[in-house]
Amino acid sequence: MMLNRRRSGTAKTGYYRIQGNGGQFLHGFGDGDFIRLRDEKGCEWRGTAEVTDTTIRYRFQDQEGNYISGVSDEASSGILLRDDKGNTWRGFVD
């Protein structure tokens, strides 16, 4: 029997910088599990970070219903995301 234990903790607090294909970017601050980013057009993306045993799962959505989601491991500040069109976004937390 496998148990899925959640770690009691929060995601990294700091400044997020995420870049997509073609010069697209997201940047902004996260405080624990809640993250608010802006893109190159000024649109706001709100997101959450769910901490599990060894990974952090990110989910972001803008006002138009577009979404980006992905993971990071707890040991690094690197983030790998994929949007609803299949494009890859990479970034980190300072």
N, C-alpha and C. Protein backbone atom coordinates (compact mmCIF):
# COMPACT_ATOMS: atom_id res chain seq x y z
N MET A 1 0.83 -1.17 0.00
CA MET A 1 0.00 0.00 0.00
C MET A 1 0.88 1.24 0.00
N MET A 2 0.57 2.16 -0.89
CA MET A 2 1.38 3.37 -1.02
C MET A 2 0.64 4.54 -0.38
N LEU A 3 1.33 5.27 0.47
CA LEU A 3 0.74 6.44 1.11
C LEU A 3 1.32 7.69 0.47
N ASN A 4 0.46 8.63 0.15
CA ASN A 4 0.91 9.90 -0.39
C ASN A 4 0.89 10.91 0.74
N ARG A 5 2.05 11.16 1.31
CA ARG A 5 2.13 12.09 2.43
C ARG A 5 2.48 13.47 1.93
N ARG A 6 1.77 14.44 2.41
CA ARG A 6 2.05 15.83 2.07
C ARG A 6 2.96 16.41 3.12
N ARG A 7 3.93 17.14 2.67
CA ARG A 7 4.83 17.80 3.58
C ARG A 7 4.18 19.07 4.09
N SER A 8 4.31 19.35 5.34
CA SER A 8 3.77 20.60 5.86
C SER A 8 4.82 21.67 5.59
N GLY A 9 4.57 22.51 4.63
CA GLY A 9 5.48 23.56 4.27
C GLY A 9 4.93 24.34 3.11
N THR A 10 5.65 25.33 2.72
CA THR A 10 5.20 26.17 1.62
C THR A 10 6.29 26.26 0.56
N ALA A 11 5.90 26.72 -0.60
CA ALA A 11 6.85 26.91 -1.69
C ALA A 11 7.77 28.08 -1.36
N LYS A 12 8.80 28.22 -2.18
CA LYS A 12 9.76 29.29 -1.97
C LYS A 12 9.12 30.65 -2.16
N THR A 13 9.44 31.56 -1.27
CA THR A 13 9.01 32.94 -1.40
C THR A 13 10.11 33.68 -2.14
N GLY A 14 9.75 34.48 -3.13
CA GLY A 14 10.76 35.23 -3.86
C GLY A 14 10.26 35.74 -5.18
N TYR A 15 11.21 36.16 -6.00
CA TYR A 15 10.91 36.74 -7.31
C TYR A 15 11.01 35.66 -8.38
N TYR A 16 9.94 35.49 -9.14
CA TYR A 16 9.87 34.46 -10.18
C TYR A 16 10.19 35.08 -11.54
N ARG A 17 11.03 34.42 -12.31
CA ARG A 17 11.35 34.81 -13.69
C ARG A 17 11.19 33.58 -14.56
N ILE A 18 10.24 33.64 -15.50
CA ILE A 18 9.95 32.49 -16.35
C ILE A 18 9.90 32.96 -17.79
N GLN A 19 10.61 32.26 -18.69
CA GLN A 19 10.65 32.65 -20.10
C GLN A 19 10.15 31.53 -20.99
N GLY A 20 9.33 31.91 -21.96
CA GLY A 20 8.79 30.96 -22.92
C GLY A 20 9.46 31.10 -24.26
N ASN A 21 8.96 30.38 -25.25
CA ASN A 21 9.49 30.45 -26.61
C ASN A 21 9.15 31.81 -27.21
N GLY A 22 10.01 32.32 -28.06
CA GLY A 22 9.72 33.56 -28.77
C GLY A 22 9.78 34.82 -27.93
N GLY A 23 10.54 34.84 -26.86
CA GLY A 23 10.69 36.04 -26.07
C GLY A 23 9.57 36.34 -25.09
N GLN A 24 8.62 35.43 -24.94
CA GLN A 24 7.56 35.63 -23.96
C GLN A 24 8.13 35.44 -22.55
N PHE A 25 7.60 36.19 -21.61
CA PHE A 25 8.09 36.04 -20.24
C PHE A 25 7.00 36.32 -19.23
N LEU A 26 7.20 35.78 -18.05
CA LEU A 26 6.38 36.03 -16.88
C LEU A 26 7.32 36.41 -15.75
N HIS A 27 6.93 37.38 -14.94
CA HIS A 27 7.75 37.74 -13.79
C HIS A 27 6.86 38.29 -12.69
N GLY A 28 7.29 38.11 -11.45
CA GLY A 28 6.54 38.62 -10.31
C GLY A 28 6.93 37.92 -9.03
N PHE A 29 6.16 38.19 -7.99
CA PHE A 29 6.49 37.67 -6.67
C PHE A 29 5.57 36.57 -6.23
N GLY A 30 6.13 35.69 -5.43
CA GLY A 30 5.37 34.63 -4.80
C GLY A 30 5.62 34.68 -3.31
N ASP A 31 4.57 34.48 -2.55
CA ASP A 31 4.69 34.44 -1.10
C ASP A 31 4.07 33.13 -0.62
N GLY A 32 4.91 32.16 -0.40
CA GLY A 32 4.42 30.85 0.01
C GLY A 32 3.71 30.17 -1.14
N ASP A 33 2.45 29.79 -0.91
CA ASP A 33 1.70 29.03 -1.91
C ASP A 33 1.03 29.89 -2.97
N PHE A 34 0.96 31.22 -2.78
CA PHE A 34 0.28 32.10 -3.72
C PHE A 34 1.30 32.90 -4.53
N ILE A 35 1.12 32.93 -5.87
CA ILE A 35 2.06 33.59 -6.77
C ILE A 35 1.28 34.50 -7.72
N ARG A 36 1.77 35.71 -7.94
CA ARG A 36 1.15 36.63 -8.88
C ARG A 36 2.23 37.12 -9.85
N LEU A 37 2.00 36.86 -11.14
CA LEU A 37 2.97 37.21 -12.18
C LEU A 37 2.32 38.12 -13.22
N ARG A 38 3.15 38.81 -13.99
CA ARG A 38 2.70 39.60 -15.15
C ARG A 38 3.50 39.15 -16.36
N ASP A 39 2.83 39.19 -17.53
CA ASP A 39 3.54 38.83 -18.77
C ASP A 39 4.02 40.09 -19.48
N GLU A 40 4.61 39.91 -20.67
CA GLU A 40 5.18 41.03 -21.42
C GLU A 40 4.12 42.03 -21.89
N LYS A 41 2.85 41.63 -21.91
CA LYS A 41 1.75 42.51 -22.31
C LYS A 41 1.09 43.20 -21.12
N GLY A 42 1.52 42.86 -19.91
CA GLY A 42 0.94 43.44 -18.71
C GLY A 42 -0.21 42.65 -18.12
N CYS A 43 -0.56 41.52 -18.72
CA CYS A 43 -1.65 40.68 -18.20
C CYS A 43 -1.21 39.99 -16.91
N GLU A 44 -2.14 39.86 -15.98
CA GLU A 44 -1.84 39.23 -14.71
C GLU A 44 -2.12 37.73 -14.75
N TRP A 45 -1.19 36.96 -14.21
CA TRP A 45 -1.35 35.51 -14.07
C TRP A 45 -1.31 35.22 -12.57
N ARG A 46 -2.32 34.52 -12.08
CA ARG A 46 -2.35 34.12 -10.68
C ARG A 46 -2.09 32.63 -10.60
N GLY A 47 -1.36 32.25 -9.57
CA GLY A 47 -1.04 30.84 -9.48
C GLY A 47 -0.88 30.35 -8.06
N THR A 48 -0.75 29.04 -7.98
CA THR A 48 -0.53 28.37 -6.71
C THR A 48 0.65 27.41 -6.84
N ALA A 49 1.24 27.11 -5.72
CA ALA A 49 2.32 26.14 -5.65
C ALA A 49 1.94 25.11 -4.59
N GLU A 50 1.87 23.86 -5.02
CA GLU A 50 1.50 22.77 -4.12
C GLU A 50 2.76 21.96 -3.82
N VAL A 51 3.15 21.93 -2.57
CA VAL A 51 4.36 21.23 -2.15
C VAL A 51 4.01 19.80 -1.78
N THR A 52 4.73 18.84 -2.38
CA THR A 52 4.60 17.43 -2.02
C THR A 52 5.92 16.98 -1.41
N ASP A 53 6.16 15.70 -1.32
CA ASP A 53 7.37 15.19 -0.67
C ASP A 53 8.66 15.73 -1.28
N THR A 54 8.79 15.64 -2.60
CA THR A 54 10.05 16.05 -3.23
C THR A 54 9.88 17.05 -4.36
N THR A 55 8.65 17.40 -4.71
CA THR A 55 8.42 18.32 -5.83
C THR A 55 7.46 19.43 -5.45
N ILE A 56 7.46 20.45 -6.26
CA ILE A 56 6.50 21.54 -6.15
C ILE A 56 5.75 21.60 -7.46
N ARG A 57 4.44 21.57 -7.40
CA ARG A 57 3.58 21.61 -8.60
C ARG A 57 3.00 23.01 -8.72
N TYR A 58 3.23 23.64 -9.88
CA TYR A 58 2.78 25.01 -10.14
C TYR A 58 1.61 25.01 -11.11
N ARG A 59 0.64 25.89 -10.86
CA ARG A 59 -0.49 26.11 -11.78
C ARG A 59 -0.77 27.61 -11.84
N PHE A 60 -0.80 28.15 -13.06
CA PHE A 60 -1.07 29.56 -13.28
C PHE A 60 -2.20 29.72 -14.29
N GLN A 61 -3.00 30.78 -14.11
CA GLN A 61 -4.08 31.07 -15.06
C GLN A 61 -4.23 32.58 -15.19
N ASP A 62 -4.50 33.05 -16.43
CA ASP A 62 -4.73 34.48 -16.65
C ASP A 62 -6.22 34.78 -16.73
N GLN A 63 -6.57 36.06 -16.96
CA GLN A 63 -7.97 36.48 -17.00
C GLN A 63 -8.72 35.89 -18.18
N GLU A 64 -8.02 35.52 -19.23
CA GLU A 64 -8.65 34.98 -20.43
C GLU A 64 -8.82 33.47 -20.39
N GLY A 65 -8.44 32.83 -19.31
CA GLY A 65 -8.61 31.38 -19.17
C GLY A 65 -7.43 30.56 -19.65
N ASN A 66 -6.36 31.19 -20.12
CA ASN A 66 -5.14 30.45 -20.50
C ASN A 66 -4.46 29.94 -19.24
N TYR A 67 -3.80 28.80 -19.37
CA TYR A 67 -3.13 28.25 -18.21
C TYR A 67 -1.74 27.73 -18.55
N ILE A 68 -0.92 27.67 -17.51
CA ILE A 68 0.43 27.11 -17.58
C ILE A 68 0.61 26.29 -16.31
N SER A 69 1.18 25.09 -16.44
CA SER A 69 1.41 24.27 -15.25
C SER A 69 2.71 23.50 -15.41
N GLY A 70 3.26 23.08 -14.28
CA GLY A 70 4.50 22.32 -14.33
C GLY A 70 5.04 22.03 -12.95
N VAL A 71 6.32 21.64 -12.91
CA VAL A 71 6.93 21.19 -11.65
C VAL A 71 8.32 21.76 -11.45
N SER A 72 8.77 21.64 -10.22
CA SER A 72 10.13 21.94 -9.82
C SER A 72 10.46 20.97 -8.70
N ASP A 73 11.74 20.63 -8.57
CA ASP A 73 12.08 19.83 -7.40
C ASP A 73 12.48 20.80 -6.28
N GLU A 74 12.35 20.34 -5.05
CA GLU A 74 12.60 21.22 -3.91
C GLU A 74 14.06 21.61 -3.76
N ALA A 75 14.96 20.80 -4.28
CA ALA A 75 16.38 21.06 -4.11
C ALA A 75 16.89 22.21 -4.98
N SER A 76 16.22 22.49 -6.10
CA SER A 76 16.69 23.56 -6.99
C SER A 76 15.65 24.67 -7.07
N SER A 77 16.05 25.77 -7.66
CA SER A 77 15.10 26.87 -7.86
C SER A 77 14.59 26.88 -9.30
N GLY A 78 14.97 25.86 -10.10
CA GLY A 78 14.54 25.79 -11.49
C GLY A 78 13.11 25.29 -11.63
N ILE A 79 12.37 25.87 -12.60
CA ILE A 79 10.97 25.52 -12.84
C ILE A 79 10.79 25.16 -14.31
N LEU A 80 10.04 24.11 -14.59
CA LEU A 80 9.71 23.71 -15.96
C LEU A 80 8.19 23.67 -16.08
N LEU A 81 7.65 24.48 -17.03
CA LEU A 81 6.21 24.58 -17.21
C LEU A 81 5.84 24.31 -18.66
N ARG A 82 4.57 23.98 -18.88
CA ARG A 82 4.04 23.81 -20.23
C ARG A 82 2.69 24.52 -20.28
N ASP A 83 2.45 25.27 -21.38
CA ASP A 83 1.17 25.99 -21.49
C ASP A 83 0.14 25.14 -22.22
N ASP A 84 -1.08 25.70 -22.38
CA ASP A 84 -2.17 24.94 -22.98
C ASP A 84 -1.99 24.72 -24.48
N LYS A 85 -0.99 25.37 -25.09
CA LYS A 85 -0.69 25.16 -26.51
C LYS A 85 0.50 24.21 -26.72
N GLY A 86 1.07 23.71 -25.63
CA GLY A 86 2.18 22.77 -25.70
C GLY A 86 3.55 23.40 -25.68
N ASN A 87 3.64 24.72 -25.53
CA ASN A 87 4.93 25.42 -25.47
C ASN A 87 5.58 25.23 -24.10
N THR A 88 6.90 25.16 -24.09
CA THR A 88 7.66 24.97 -22.87
C THR A 88 8.13 26.32 -22.32
N TRP A 89 8.03 26.48 -21.01
CA TRP A 89 8.48 27.67 -20.31
C TRP A 89 9.48 27.22 -19.24
N ARG A 90 10.57 27.95 -19.10
CA ARG A 90 11.58 27.62 -18.10
C ARG A 90 11.87 28.85 -17.27
N GLY A 91 12.14 28.65 -15.99
CA GLY A 91 12.43 29.79 -15.14
C GLY A 91 13.02 29.38 -13.82
N PHE A 92 13.09 30.36 -12.93
CA PHE A 92 13.67 30.13 -11.61
C PHE A 92 13.11 31.14 -10.62
N VAL A 93 13.41 30.89 -9.35
CA VAL A 93 13.00 31.75 -8.24
C VAL A 93 14.26 32.30 -7.60
N ASP A 94 14.31 33.63 -7.46
CA ASP A 94 15.42 34.28 -6.75
C ASP A 94 15.09 34.43 -5.29
